[in-house]
Amino acid sequence: SEAMRRLCQDLSVAEDPEAIWRATQKIVGDMLGVESLVVPTSEDYTSVPKPTDPSSPLDKAAIDWPRRNLQVAGRFTDTLNASSWTVFPLSKGQVSIACLLIRFPVTTSVVSPGDTTLIKAIASQCADTWQRTELVRELEAARVKTEVEQLRSALLSSVSHDLKSPLAAMMGAAESLQLLDPHLQPDNRRELEDTILQESRRLDSYIQNLLDMTRLGY
């Protein structure tokens, strides 16, 4: 009961998988007086925390078995029992999340039913918390995606006004220069040329702002 209370307290503030793994391996190590590691399911065998010695091919095989079959392997089992680790799968449904590795003292001859029950309860709580953080992450990703889409929609809506206004002014000034060129006074010509230059700069500024805001979602 004390172990589960402490674990739930630590997991309640865990915001990412690594925090979950650290809380899990720590409570197992403290409660059972053993060395413990958590190896997330991935292509490699990186553990939390780092092991005191490198994983042997036998240890890696003992990790692979629970990943694939969601069953305990290693020491005290009928599968790869020459390994120094007892490997418990952490899973949700039929999805392998990680493996909990426990190295019992060499003097230990059998894992008691009480310890097995505790380990499985911790593994279940760990998997539930992992699922919670995954749901939070997915919801956050969906929220960000929605906000990015709303931003893009707003930017596209603003194009009709913010970009068309300087374009219309530039086109009008250019047409005036083309049609009225023989009759324009120097001051009028400069005014039209200034209009084209100012509006082109305004258009360039709008485009740059548009590109900068679009990159906010990445």
N, C-alpha and C. Protein backbone atom coordinates (compact mmCIF):
# COMPACT_ATOMS: atom_id res chain seq x y z
N SER A 1 0.84 -1.21 0.00
CA SER A 1 0.00 0.00 0.00
C SER A 1 0.87 1.25 0.00
N GLU A 2 1.94 1.24 0.80
CA GLU A 2 2.85 2.39 0.84
C GLU A 2 3.55 2.57 -0.49
N ALA A 3 3.95 1.47 -1.10
CA ALA A 3 4.62 1.56 -2.41
C ALA A 3 3.69 2.17 -3.44
N MET A 4 2.44 1.74 -3.49
CA MET A 4 1.49 2.25 -4.47
C MET A 4 1.14 3.70 -4.18
N ARG A 5 1.08 4.05 -2.89
CA ARG A 5 0.79 5.45 -2.55
C ARG A 5 1.90 6.37 -3.06
N ARG A 6 3.16 5.96 -2.80
CA ARG A 6 4.29 6.77 -3.24
C ARG A 6 4.36 6.83 -4.76
N LEU A 7 4.09 5.69 -5.41
CA LEU A 7 4.14 5.65 -6.87
C LEU A 7 3.07 6.57 -7.47
N CYS A 8 1.86 6.47 -6.97
CA CYS A 8 0.77 7.32 -7.49
C CYS A 8 1.09 8.80 -7.29
N GLN A 9 1.72 9.12 -6.17
CA GLN A 9 2.10 10.51 -5.90
C GLN A 9 3.11 11.00 -6.93
N ASP A 10 4.11 10.17 -7.22
CA ASP A 10 5.12 10.56 -8.20
C ASP A 10 4.56 10.61 -9.62
N LEU A 11 3.73 9.63 -9.95
CA LEU A 11 3.19 9.57 -11.31
C LEU A 11 2.18 10.68 -11.58
N SER A 12 1.55 11.19 -10.53
CA SER A 12 0.54 12.23 -10.72
C SER A 12 1.12 13.51 -11.30
N VAL A 13 2.43 13.71 -11.10
CA VAL A 13 3.07 14.92 -11.63
C VAL A 13 3.97 14.61 -12.82
N ALA A 14 3.98 13.37 -13.26
CA ALA A 14 4.81 13.00 -14.42
C ALA A 14 4.18 13.55 -15.70
N GLU A 15 4.97 14.25 -16.49
CA GLU A 15 4.46 14.87 -17.70
C GLU A 15 5.01 14.25 -18.98
N ASP A 16 5.96 13.34 -18.85
CA ASP A 16 6.53 12.71 -20.04
C ASP A 16 6.95 11.29 -19.68
N PRO A 17 7.20 10.44 -20.69
CA PRO A 17 7.53 9.04 -20.42
C PRO A 17 8.76 8.87 -19.53
N GLU A 18 9.81 9.68 -19.71
CA GLU A 18 11.01 9.50 -18.91
C GLU A 18 10.73 9.68 -17.42
N ALA A 19 9.87 10.65 -17.09
CA ALA A 19 9.50 10.84 -15.69
C ALA A 19 8.76 9.62 -15.15
N ILE A 20 7.95 9.01 -15.99
CA ILE A 20 7.23 7.79 -15.59
C ILE A 20 8.22 6.66 -15.33
N TRP A 21 9.18 6.48 -16.26
CA TRP A 21 10.16 5.40 -16.10
C TRP A 21 10.98 5.59 -14.82
N ARG A 22 11.39 6.82 -14.56
CA ARG A 22 12.23 7.07 -13.38
C ARG A 22 11.46 6.80 -12.08
N ALA A 23 10.20 7.24 -12.05
CA ALA A 23 9.39 6.99 -10.86
C ALA A 23 9.16 5.50 -10.65
N THR A 24 8.96 4.78 -11.74
CA THR A 24 8.69 3.34 -11.65
C THR A 24 9.90 2.58 -11.16
N GLN A 25 11.05 2.81 -11.80
CA GLN A 25 12.25 2.05 -11.40
C GLN A 25 12.70 2.41 -9.99
N LYS A 26 12.45 3.64 -9.57
CA LYS A 26 12.86 4.06 -8.23
C LYS A 26 12.03 3.36 -7.15
N ILE A 27 10.71 3.32 -7.36
CA ILE A 27 9.84 2.72 -6.34
C ILE A 27 10.10 1.21 -6.24
N VAL A 28 10.35 0.57 -7.41
CA VAL A 28 10.66 -0.86 -7.39
C VAL A 28 11.97 -1.11 -6.65
N GLY A 29 12.98 -0.29 -6.96
CA GLY A 29 14.26 -0.46 -6.29
C GLY A 29 14.18 -0.23 -4.80
N ASP A 30 13.43 0.81 -4.41
CA ASP A 30 13.32 1.14 -2.98
C ASP A 30 12.53 0.09 -2.21
N MET A 31 11.41 -0.35 -2.78
CA MET A 31 10.53 -1.26 -2.06
C MET A 31 11.09 -2.68 -1.96
N LEU A 32 11.77 -3.12 -3.03
CA LEU A 32 12.24 -4.51 -3.04
C LEU A 32 13.72 -4.64 -2.73
N GLY A 33 14.42 -3.49 -2.67
CA GLY A 33 15.85 -3.55 -2.40
C GLY A 33 16.62 -4.21 -3.53
N VAL A 34 16.27 -3.88 -4.77
CA VAL A 34 16.89 -4.50 -5.94
C VAL A 34 17.38 -3.41 -6.89
N GLU A 35 18.19 -3.83 -7.86
CA GLU A 35 18.55 -2.93 -8.96
C GLU A 35 17.45 -3.04 -10.01
N SER A 36 16.98 -1.90 -10.50
CA SER A 36 15.90 -1.94 -11.49
C SER A 36 16.16 -0.91 -12.58
N LEU A 37 15.70 -1.23 -13.77
CA LEU A 37 15.81 -0.36 -14.94
C LEU A 37 14.50 -0.43 -15.71
N VAL A 38 14.25 0.60 -16.51
CA VAL A 38 13.14 0.56 -17.46
C VAL A 38 13.73 0.78 -18.85
N VAL A 39 13.41 -0.12 -19.76
CA VAL A 39 13.88 0.00 -21.14
C VAL A 39 12.66 0.25 -22.03
N PRO A 40 12.47 1.48 -22.52
CA PRO A 40 11.33 1.76 -23.39
C PRO A 40 11.40 0.93 -24.67
N THR A 41 10.25 0.63 -25.21
CA THR A 41 10.19 -0.13 -26.46
C THR A 41 10.64 0.75 -27.61
N SER A 42 11.75 0.38 -28.23
CA SER A 42 12.31 1.12 -29.36
C SER A 42 13.29 0.22 -30.08
N GLU A 43 14.02 0.81 -31.03
CA GLU A 43 14.96 0.00 -31.80
C GLU A 43 16.21 -0.33 -30.99
N ASP A 44 16.54 0.48 -30.00
CA ASP A 44 17.74 0.22 -29.22
C ASP A 44 17.37 -0.27 -27.82
N TYR A 45 18.35 -0.28 -26.93
CA TYR A 45 18.13 -0.81 -25.59
C TYR A 45 18.51 0.23 -24.54
N THR A 46 18.29 1.50 -24.85
CA THR A 46 18.59 2.57 -23.92
C THR A 46 17.67 2.47 -22.71
N SER A 47 18.26 2.50 -21.52
CA SER A 47 17.47 2.30 -20.31
C SER A 47 17.43 3.56 -19.46
N VAL A 48 16.48 3.59 -18.55
CA VAL A 48 16.36 4.67 -17.55
C VAL A 48 16.40 4.01 -16.18
N PRO A 49 17.45 4.31 -15.36
CA PRO A 49 18.66 5.06 -15.73
C PRO A 49 19.63 4.17 -16.48
N LYS A 50 20.84 4.66 -16.71
CA LYS A 50 21.84 3.86 -17.39
C LYS A 50 22.23 2.67 -16.50
N PRO A 51 22.47 1.49 -17.10
CA PRO A 51 22.83 0.31 -16.29
C PRO A 51 24.25 0.43 -15.75
N THR A 52 24.54 -0.32 -14.72
CA THR A 52 25.89 -0.31 -14.14
C THR A 52 26.87 -1.07 -15.02
N ASP A 53 26.37 -1.98 -15.85
CA ASP A 53 27.22 -2.70 -16.79
C ASP A 53 26.49 -2.87 -18.11
N PRO A 54 27.20 -3.03 -19.23
CA PRO A 54 26.56 -3.14 -20.55
C PRO A 54 25.65 -4.37 -20.64
N SER A 55 24.62 -4.23 -21.47
CA SER A 55 23.72 -5.36 -21.67
C SER A 55 24.39 -6.41 -22.55
N SER A 56 24.29 -7.66 -22.15
CA SER A 56 24.85 -8.76 -22.94
C SER A 56 23.82 -9.19 -23.98
N PRO A 57 24.24 -9.96 -24.99
CA PRO A 57 23.27 -10.48 -25.96
C PRO A 57 22.14 -11.27 -25.30
N LEU A 58 22.47 -11.98 -24.22
CA LEU A 58 21.43 -12.74 -23.51
C LEU A 58 20.43 -11.79 -22.86
N ASP A 59 20.92 -10.70 -22.26
CA ASP A 59 20.03 -9.73 -21.63
C ASP A 59 19.12 -9.09 -22.68
N LYS A 60 19.68 -8.78 -23.84
CA LYS A 60 18.88 -8.16 -24.91
C LYS A 60 17.80 -9.13 -25.40
N ALA A 61 18.16 -10.40 -25.48
CA ALA A 61 17.16 -11.40 -25.87
C ALA A 61 16.05 -11.49 -24.83
N ALA A 62 16.44 -11.36 -23.54
CA ALA A 62 15.44 -11.41 -22.47
C ALA A 62 14.54 -10.18 -22.49
N ILE A 63 15.01 -9.09 -23.08
CA ILE A 63 14.17 -7.89 -23.24
C ILE A 63 13.26 -8.06 -24.45
N ASP A 64 13.80 -8.61 -25.52
CA ASP A 64 13.02 -8.77 -26.76
C ASP A 64 11.81 -9.68 -26.57
N TRP A 65 11.96 -10.72 -25.77
CA TRP A 65 10.86 -11.69 -25.59
C TRP A 65 9.62 -11.03 -24.98
N PRO A 66 9.72 -10.31 -23.86
CA PRO A 66 8.53 -9.64 -23.32
C PRO A 66 7.97 -8.57 -24.28
N ARG A 67 8.85 -7.92 -25.03
CA ARG A 67 8.36 -6.93 -26.00
C ARG A 67 7.43 -7.59 -27.02
N ARG A 68 7.83 -8.75 -27.50
CA ARG A 68 7.05 -9.41 -28.55
C ARG A 68 5.86 -10.19 -28.00
N ASN A 69 6.05 -10.81 -26.83
CA ASN A 69 5.03 -11.74 -26.32
C ASN A 69 4.26 -11.24 -25.11
N LEU A 70 4.69 -10.09 -24.56
CA LEU A 70 4.03 -9.49 -23.40
C LEU A 70 3.96 -10.47 -22.22
N GLN A 71 5.05 -11.22 -22.05
CA GLN A 71 5.17 -12.17 -20.95
C GLN A 71 6.51 -12.00 -20.26
N VAL A 72 6.57 -12.38 -18.99
CA VAL A 72 7.80 -12.25 -18.21
C VAL A 72 8.86 -13.21 -18.76
N ALA A 73 10.12 -12.74 -18.78
CA ALA A 73 11.23 -13.58 -19.23
C ALA A 73 12.43 -13.32 -18.33
N GLY A 74 13.48 -14.13 -18.52
CA GLY A 74 14.70 -13.96 -17.76
C GLY A 74 14.76 -14.84 -16.53
N ARG A 75 15.51 -14.42 -15.55
CA ARG A 75 15.73 -15.20 -14.33
C ARG A 75 14.39 -15.52 -13.63
N PHE A 76 14.31 -16.69 -13.08
CA PHE A 76 13.12 -17.20 -12.37
C PHE A 76 11.96 -17.54 -13.32
N THR A 77 12.23 -17.59 -14.63
CA THR A 77 11.18 -17.97 -15.58
C THR A 77 11.68 -19.16 -16.40
N ASP A 78 10.84 -19.64 -17.30
CA ASP A 78 11.23 -20.75 -18.17
C ASP A 78 11.81 -20.25 -19.49
N THR A 79 11.94 -18.93 -19.63
CA THR A 79 12.44 -18.35 -20.89
C THR A 79 13.69 -17.53 -20.62
N LEU A 80 14.81 -17.96 -21.21
CA LEU A 80 16.08 -17.23 -21.09
C LEU A 80 16.45 -16.99 -19.63
N ASN A 81 16.30 -18.03 -18.81
CA ASN A 81 16.52 -17.87 -17.37
C ASN A 81 17.98 -17.77 -16.97
N ALA A 82 18.90 -17.82 -17.95
CA ALA A 82 20.32 -17.62 -17.64
C ALA A 82 20.66 -16.14 -17.50
N SER A 83 19.75 -15.28 -17.90
CA SER A 83 19.98 -13.84 -17.76
C SER A 83 19.98 -13.46 -16.29
N SER A 84 20.74 -12.43 -15.96
CA SER A 84 20.77 -11.96 -14.56
C SER A 84 19.56 -11.10 -14.22
N TRP A 85 18.78 -10.73 -15.24
CA TRP A 85 17.61 -9.86 -15.05
C TRP A 85 16.32 -10.66 -15.15
N THR A 86 15.34 -10.26 -14.38
CA THR A 86 13.96 -10.72 -14.58
C THR A 86 13.24 -9.57 -15.27
N VAL A 87 12.65 -9.84 -16.43
CA VAL A 87 12.11 -8.78 -17.28
C VAL A 87 10.58 -8.87 -17.33
N PHE A 88 9.94 -7.80 -16.85
CA PHE A 88 8.48 -7.72 -16.85
C PHE A 88 8.03 -6.77 -17.95
N PRO A 89 7.05 -7.15 -18.76
CA PRO A 89 6.56 -6.24 -19.81
C PRO A 89 5.66 -5.15 -19.23
N LEU A 90 5.79 -3.96 -19.76
CA LEU A 90 4.86 -2.87 -19.47
C LEU A 90 4.07 -2.66 -20.76
N SER A 91 2.78 -2.86 -20.69
CA SER A 91 1.98 -2.79 -21.91
C SER A 91 0.62 -2.19 -21.62
N LYS A 92 -0.01 -1.73 -22.70
CA LYS A 92 -1.38 -1.24 -22.62
C LYS A 92 -2.17 -1.93 -23.73
N GLY A 93 -3.10 -2.79 -23.32
CA GLY A 93 -3.76 -3.61 -24.32
C GLY A 93 -2.74 -4.59 -24.86
N GLN A 94 -2.57 -4.61 -26.17
CA GLN A 94 -1.58 -5.47 -26.82
C GLN A 94 -0.39 -4.67 -27.33
N VAL A 95 -0.23 -3.47 -26.80
CA VAL A 95 0.87 -2.60 -27.23
C VAL A 95 1.98 -2.63 -26.19
N SER A 96 3.19 -2.98 -26.61
CA SER A 96 4.34 -2.99 -25.72
C SER A 96 4.83 -1.55 -25.53
N ILE A 97 4.94 -1.11 -24.28
CA ILE A 97 5.37 0.24 -23.96
C ILE A 97 6.84 0.25 -23.54
N ALA A 98 7.20 -0.66 -22.66
CA ALA A 98 8.55 -0.73 -22.12
C ALA A 98 8.72 -2.06 -21.40
N CYS A 99 9.93 -2.28 -20.91
CA CYS A 99 10.21 -3.45 -20.09
C CYS A 99 10.80 -3.00 -18.77
N LEU A 100 10.33 -3.61 -17.69
CA LEU A 100 10.87 -3.35 -16.36
C LEU A 100 11.85 -4.47 -16.02
N LEU A 101 13.12 -4.10 -15.88
CA LEU A 101 14.16 -5.06 -15.58
C LEU A 101 14.49 -5.02 -14.09
N ILE A 102 14.50 -6.19 -13.47
CA ILE A 102 14.80 -6.27 -12.04
C ILE A 102 15.92 -7.30 -11.85
N ARG A 103 16.98 -6.86 -11.15
CA ARG A 103 18.06 -7.79 -10.83
C ARG A 103 18.01 -8.07 -9.33
N PHE A 104 17.50 -9.24 -9.00
CA PHE A 104 17.42 -9.64 -7.60
C PHE A 104 18.80 -10.06 -7.09
N PRO A 105 19.04 -9.96 -5.80
CA PRO A 105 20.33 -10.40 -5.25
C PRO A 105 20.61 -11.86 -5.62
N VAL A 106 21.89 -12.20 -5.73
CA VAL A 106 22.26 -13.57 -6.11
C VAL A 106 21.78 -14.58 -5.07
N THR A 107 21.57 -14.12 -3.84
CA THR A 107 21.11 -15.03 -2.79
C THR A 107 19.62 -15.35 -2.89
N THR A 108 18.89 -14.59 -3.72
CA THR A 108 17.45 -14.83 -3.88
C THR A 108 17.24 -16.08 -4.73
N SER A 109 16.43 -16.99 -4.22
CA SER A 109 16.19 -18.25 -4.94
C SER A 109 14.82 -18.30 -5.61
N VAL A 110 13.92 -17.42 -5.15
CA VAL A 110 12.58 -17.41 -5.72
C VAL A 110 11.94 -16.04 -5.47
N VAL A 111 11.09 -15.62 -6.40
CA VAL A 111 10.37 -14.35 -6.23
C VAL A 111 9.05 -14.68 -5.53
N SER A 112 8.81 -14.04 -4.41
CA SER A 112 7.61 -14.35 -3.63
C SER A 112 6.36 -13.88 -4.37
N PRO A 113 5.22 -14.54 -4.12
CA PRO A 113 3.97 -14.10 -4.73
C PRO A 113 3.63 -12.65 -4.40
N GLY A 114 3.96 -12.23 -3.18
CA GLY A 114 3.68 -10.84 -2.80
C GLY A 114 4.48 -9.85 -3.63
N ASP A 115 5.77 -10.16 -3.87
CA ASP A 115 6.60 -9.29 -4.69
C ASP A 115 6.09 -9.27 -6.13
N THR A 116 5.70 -10.44 -6.63
CA THR A 116 5.18 -10.51 -8.00
C THR A 116 3.92 -9.67 -8.15
N THR A 117 3.04 -9.75 -7.16
CA THR A 117 1.81 -8.97 -7.19
C THR A 117 2.12 -7.48 -7.18
N LEU A 118 3.07 -7.08 -6.34
CA LEU A 118 3.45 -5.68 -6.25
C LEU A 118 4.03 -5.19 -7.58
N ILE A 119 4.90 -5.98 -8.17
CA ILE A 119 5.54 -5.59 -9.43
C ILE A 119 4.49 -5.42 -10.53
N LYS A 120 3.55 -6.35 -10.60
CA LYS A 120 2.52 -6.27 -11.64
C LYS A 120 1.59 -5.07 -11.41
N ALA A 121 1.31 -4.76 -10.14
CA ALA A 121 0.48 -3.59 -9.83
C ALA A 121 1.20 -2.31 -10.23
N ILE A 122 2.49 -2.24 -9.96
CA ILE A 122 3.28 -1.07 -10.35
C ILE A 122 3.32 -0.95 -11.88
N ALA A 123 3.52 -2.07 -12.56
CA ALA A 123 3.57 -2.07 -14.02
C ALA A 123 2.25 -1.58 -14.61
N SER A 124 1.14 -2.02 -14.03
CA SER A 124 -0.18 -1.60 -14.51
C SER A 124 -0.39 -0.10 -14.31
N GLN A 125 0.01 0.41 -13.13
CA GLN A 125 -0.14 1.84 -12.85
C GLN A 125 0.74 2.66 -13.78
N CYS A 126 1.93 2.17 -14.04
CA CYS A 126 2.86 2.83 -14.95
C CYS A 126 2.25 2.92 -16.36
N ALA A 127 1.67 1.84 -16.83
CA ALA A 127 1.07 1.82 -18.17
C ALA A 127 -0.12 2.77 -18.25
N ASP A 128 -0.93 2.83 -17.20
CA ASP A 128 -2.07 3.75 -17.19
C ASP A 128 -1.60 5.21 -17.27
N THR A 129 -0.53 5.52 -16.54
CA THR A 129 -0.01 6.89 -16.57
C THR A 129 0.59 7.22 -17.93
N TRP A 130 1.29 6.25 -18.53
CA TRP A 130 1.83 6.45 -19.88
C TRP A 130 0.70 6.77 -20.85
N GLN A 131 -0.41 6.04 -20.75
CA GLN A 131 -1.54 6.30 -21.64
C GLN A 131 -2.09 7.71 -21.43
N ARG A 132 -2.14 8.13 -20.16
CA ARG A 132 -2.62 9.50 -19.88
C ARG A 132 -1.73 10.55 -20.53
N THR A 133 -0.41 10.40 -20.39
CA THR A 133 0.49 11.39 -20.98
C THR A 133 0.41 11.37 -22.51
N GLU A 134 0.19 10.19 -23.07
CA GLU A 134 0.05 10.10 -24.53
C GLU A 134 -1.21 10.82 -24.99
N LEU A 135 -2.30 10.65 -24.24
CA LEU A 135 -3.54 11.33 -24.60
C LEU A 135 -3.38 12.85 -24.50
N VAL A 136 -2.70 13.30 -23.44
CA VAL A 136 -2.44 14.73 -23.28
C VAL A 136 -1.61 15.25 -24.44
N ARG A 137 -0.57 14.48 -24.81
CA ARG A 137 0.29 14.90 -25.92
C ARG A 137 -0.49 14.97 -27.23
N GLU A 138 -1.34 13.98 -27.47
CA GLU A 138 -2.13 13.97 -28.70
C GLU A 138 -3.13 15.13 -28.72
N LEU A 139 -3.74 15.41 -27.56
CA LEU A 139 -4.68 16.53 -27.49
C LEU A 139 -3.97 17.85 -27.72
N GLU A 140 -2.77 17.99 -27.16
CA GLU A 140 -1.99 19.22 -27.35
C GLU A 140 -1.59 19.38 -28.81
N ALA A 141 -1.18 18.27 -29.44
CA ALA A 141 -0.82 18.32 -30.85
C ALA A 141 -2.02 18.71 -31.71
N ALA A 142 -3.20 18.16 -31.36
CA ALA A 142 -4.41 18.49 -32.10
C ALA A 142 -4.79 19.96 -31.90
N ARG A 143 -4.59 20.45 -30.66
CA ARG A 143 -4.89 21.87 -30.38
C ARG A 143 -3.98 22.78 -31.19
N VAL A 144 -2.69 22.47 -31.20
CA VAL A 144 -1.74 23.29 -31.95
C VAL A 144 -2.07 23.26 -33.44
N LYS A 145 -2.41 22.07 -33.94
CA LYS A 145 -2.75 21.95 -35.36
C LYS A 145 -3.97 22.80 -35.69
N THR A 146 -4.98 22.78 -34.79
CA THR A 146 -6.18 23.58 -35.02
C THR A 146 -5.86 25.06 -35.02
N GLU A 147 -5.01 25.49 -34.08
CA GLU A 147 -4.65 26.90 -34.01
C GLU A 147 -3.86 27.33 -35.24
N VAL A 148 -2.98 26.45 -35.72
CA VAL A 148 -2.21 26.77 -36.93
C VAL A 148 -3.14 26.91 -38.13
N GLU A 149 -4.12 26.00 -38.22
CA GLU A 149 -5.07 26.08 -39.34
C GLU A 149 -5.90 27.35 -39.26
N GLN A 150 -6.30 27.73 -38.04
CA GLN A 150 -7.06 28.97 -37.87
C GLN A 150 -6.22 30.18 -38.25
N LEU A 151 -4.94 30.15 -37.89
CA LEU A 151 -4.04 31.24 -38.24
C LEU A 151 -3.88 31.34 -39.75
N ARG A 152 -3.70 30.21 -40.39
CA ARG A 152 -3.56 30.21 -41.85
C ARG A 152 -4.82 30.71 -42.53
N SER A 153 -5.96 30.29 -41.98
CA SER A 153 -7.23 30.75 -42.56
C SER A 153 -7.37 32.26 -42.44
N ALA A 154 -6.99 32.78 -41.25
CA ALA A 154 -7.06 34.23 -41.05
C ALA A 154 -6.10 34.97 -41.98
N LEU A 155 -4.92 34.38 -42.18
CA LEU A 155 -3.95 35.02 -43.08
C LEU A 155 -4.47 35.04 -44.51
N LEU A 156 -5.07 33.93 -44.93
CA LEU A 156 -5.61 33.89 -46.29
C LEU A 156 -6.75 34.88 -46.47
N SER A 157 -7.56 35.04 -45.41
CA SER A 157 -8.66 36.00 -45.48
C SER A 157 -8.15 37.43 -45.60
N SER A 158 -7.00 37.67 -44.95
CA SER A 158 -6.46 39.04 -44.99
C SER A 158 -5.80 39.35 -46.32
N VAL A 159 -5.48 38.32 -47.10
CA VAL A 159 -4.81 38.55 -48.38
C VAL A 159 -5.63 39.44 -49.30
N SER A 160 -6.95 39.21 -49.30
CA SER A 160 -7.82 39.96 -50.21
C SER A 160 -7.72 41.46 -50.00
N HIS A 161 -7.46 41.88 -48.75
CA HIS A 161 -7.38 43.32 -48.47
C HIS A 161 -5.94 43.81 -48.38
N ASP A 162 -5.14 43.15 -47.54
CA ASP A 162 -3.80 43.63 -47.27
C ASP A 162 -2.88 43.57 -48.49
N LEU A 163 -3.08 42.58 -49.35
CA LEU A 163 -2.23 42.47 -50.52
C LEU A 163 -2.82 43.15 -51.75
N LYS A 164 -4.14 43.14 -51.87
CA LYS A 164 -4.75 43.71 -53.06
C LYS A 164 -4.73 45.23 -53.06
N SER A 165 -4.75 45.82 -51.85
CA SER A 165 -4.75 47.29 -51.80
C SER A 165 -3.49 47.90 -52.40
N PRO A 166 -2.27 47.49 -51.97
CA PRO A 166 -1.08 48.06 -52.61
C PRO A 166 -0.95 47.67 -54.07
N LEU A 167 -1.41 46.46 -54.41
CA LEU A 167 -1.37 46.05 -55.82
C LEU A 167 -2.25 46.96 -56.68
N ALA A 168 -3.44 47.26 -56.18
CA ALA A 168 -4.35 48.14 -56.93
C ALA A 168 -3.75 49.53 -57.10
N ALA A 169 -3.11 50.04 -56.03
CA ALA A 169 -2.50 51.37 -56.12
C ALA A 169 -1.35 51.37 -57.11
N MET A 170 -0.53 50.34 -57.10
CA MET A 170 0.60 50.25 -58.04
C MET A 170 0.11 50.14 -59.47
N MET A 171 -0.91 49.30 -59.69
CA MET A 171 -1.44 49.14 -61.05
C MET A 171 -2.05 50.44 -61.56
N GLY A 172 -2.78 51.13 -60.67
CA GLY A 172 -3.38 52.41 -61.09
C GLY A 172 -2.33 53.44 -61.45
N ALA A 173 -1.26 53.54 -60.64
CA ALA A 173 -0.19 54.50 -60.93
C ALA A 173 0.54 54.14 -62.20
N ALA A 174 0.79 52.84 -62.41
CA ALA A 174 1.49 52.41 -63.62
C ALA A 174 0.65 52.67 -64.87
N GLU A 175 -0.66 52.42 -64.81
CA GLU A 175 -1.54 52.68 -65.95
C GLU A 175 -1.61 54.18 -66.26
N SER A 176 -1.61 54.99 -65.19
CA SER A 176 -1.62 56.44 -65.40
C SER A 176 -0.36 56.90 -66.11
N LEU A 177 0.79 56.35 -65.70
CA LEU A 177 2.04 56.69 -66.37
C LEU A 177 2.02 56.27 -67.84
N GLN A 178 1.45 55.11 -68.09
CA GLN A 178 1.42 54.59 -69.46
C GLN A 178 0.48 55.38 -70.36
N LEU A 179 -0.70 55.71 -69.84
CA LEU A 179 -1.71 56.37 -70.66
C LEU A 179 -1.51 57.88 -70.77
N LEU A 180 -1.03 58.49 -69.69
CA LEU A 180 -0.96 59.95 -69.64
C LEU A 180 0.47 60.47 -69.76
N ASP A 181 1.40 59.61 -70.11
CA ASP A 181 2.81 60.00 -70.14
C ASP A 181 3.09 61.30 -70.90
N PRO A 182 2.55 61.51 -72.09
CA PRO A 182 2.89 62.74 -72.83
C PRO A 182 2.36 64.01 -72.16
N HIS A 183 1.36 63.88 -71.33
CA HIS A 183 0.69 65.06 -70.77
C HIS A 183 1.05 65.31 -69.29
N LEU A 184 1.86 64.46 -68.71
CA LEU A 184 2.15 64.59 -67.28
C LEU A 184 3.22 65.64 -67.01
N GLN A 185 2.97 66.42 -65.96
CA GLN A 185 3.97 67.35 -65.48
C GLN A 185 5.00 66.58 -64.65
N PRO A 186 6.23 67.09 -64.53
CA PRO A 186 7.26 66.38 -63.75
C PRO A 186 6.81 66.05 -62.33
N ASP A 187 6.11 67.01 -61.68
CA ASP A 187 5.66 66.73 -60.31
C ASP A 187 4.66 65.59 -60.27
N ASN A 188 3.74 65.58 -61.26
CA ASN A 188 2.76 64.49 -61.31
C ASN A 188 3.44 63.13 -61.57
N ARG A 189 4.44 63.16 -62.45
CA ARG A 189 5.15 61.92 -62.76
C ARG A 189 5.85 61.37 -61.51
N ARG A 190 6.55 62.29 -60.76
CA ARG A 190 7.23 61.87 -59.55
C ARG A 190 6.24 61.32 -58.51
N GLU A 191 5.07 61.95 -58.45
CA GLU A 191 4.07 61.50 -57.49
C GLU A 191 3.61 60.07 -57.80
N LEU A 192 3.39 59.79 -59.09
CA LEU A 192 2.99 58.44 -59.49
C LEU A 192 4.12 57.44 -59.25
N GLU A 193 5.34 57.86 -59.55
CA GLU A 193 6.48 56.98 -59.32
C GLU A 193 6.67 56.70 -57.83
N ASP A 194 6.49 57.76 -57.00
CA ASP A 194 6.58 57.56 -55.55
C ASP A 194 5.51 56.61 -55.05
N THR A 195 4.30 56.73 -55.64
CA THR A 195 3.22 55.83 -55.25
C THR A 195 3.58 54.38 -55.54
N ILE A 196 4.13 54.14 -56.72
CA ILE A 196 4.53 52.77 -57.07
C ILE A 196 5.59 52.26 -56.12
N LEU A 197 6.59 53.10 -55.82
CA LEU A 197 7.68 52.68 -54.93
C LEU A 197 7.17 52.41 -53.51
N GLN A 198 6.36 53.31 -52.96
CA GLN A 198 5.86 53.15 -51.60
C GLN A 198 4.96 51.92 -51.46
N GLU A 199 4.07 51.76 -52.46
CA GLU A 199 3.15 50.62 -52.39
C GLU A 199 3.89 49.30 -52.58
N SER A 200 4.93 49.29 -53.41
CA SER A 200 5.72 48.06 -53.59
C SER A 200 6.43 47.71 -52.30
N ARG A 201 6.94 48.71 -51.56
CA ARG A 201 7.57 48.45 -50.28
C ARG A 201 6.55 47.94 -49.27
N ARG A 202 5.35 48.52 -49.29
CA ARG A 202 4.30 48.07 -48.37
C ARG A 202 3.92 46.61 -48.69
N LEU A 203 3.85 46.30 -49.98
CA LEU A 203 3.53 44.94 -50.39
C LEU A 203 4.63 43.96 -49.95
N ASP A 204 5.88 44.37 -50.10
CA ASP A 204 6.99 43.52 -49.68
C ASP A 204 6.94 43.27 -48.16
N SER A 205 6.57 44.30 -47.39
CA SER A 205 6.47 44.15 -45.94
C SER A 205 5.35 43.18 -45.57
N TYR A 206 4.21 43.27 -46.25
CA TYR A 206 3.11 42.35 -46.00
C TYR A 206 3.52 40.91 -46.27
N ILE A 207 4.21 40.71 -47.39
CA ILE A 207 4.62 39.36 -47.76
C ILE A 207 5.60 38.79 -46.74
N GLN A 208 6.54 39.61 -46.29
CA GLN A 208 7.50 39.16 -45.28
C GLN A 208 6.81 38.79 -43.97
N ASN A 209 5.85 39.62 -43.55
CA ASN A 209 5.09 39.32 -42.33
C ASN A 209 4.30 38.03 -42.47
N LEU A 210 3.72 37.85 -43.66
CA LEU A 210 2.95 36.64 -43.94
C LEU A 210 3.82 35.39 -43.82
N LEU A 211 5.02 35.46 -44.38
CA LEU A 211 5.94 34.33 -44.31
C LEU A 211 6.38 34.06 -42.87
N ASP A 212 6.65 35.12 -42.11
CA ASP A 212 7.08 34.96 -40.72
C ASP A 212 5.98 34.33 -39.88
N MET A 213 4.73 34.76 -40.08
CA MET A 213 3.62 34.22 -39.30
C MET A 213 3.32 32.77 -39.68
N THR A 214 3.51 32.44 -40.95
CA THR A 214 3.27 31.07 -41.39
C THR A 214 4.24 30.11 -40.72
N ARG A 215 5.48 30.57 -40.49
CA ARG A 215 6.49 29.72 -39.88
C ARG A 215 6.25 29.50 -38.39
N LEU A 216 5.32 30.22 -37.76
CA LEU A 216 5.04 30.04 -36.33
C LEU A 216 4.57 28.65 -36.00
N GLY A 217 3.93 27.98 -36.95
CA GLY A 217 3.39 26.65 -36.68
C GLY A 217 4.40 25.53 -36.80
N TYR A 218 5.66 25.85 -37.11
CA TYR A 218 6.65 24.80 -37.32
C TYR A 218 7.65 24.79 -36.18
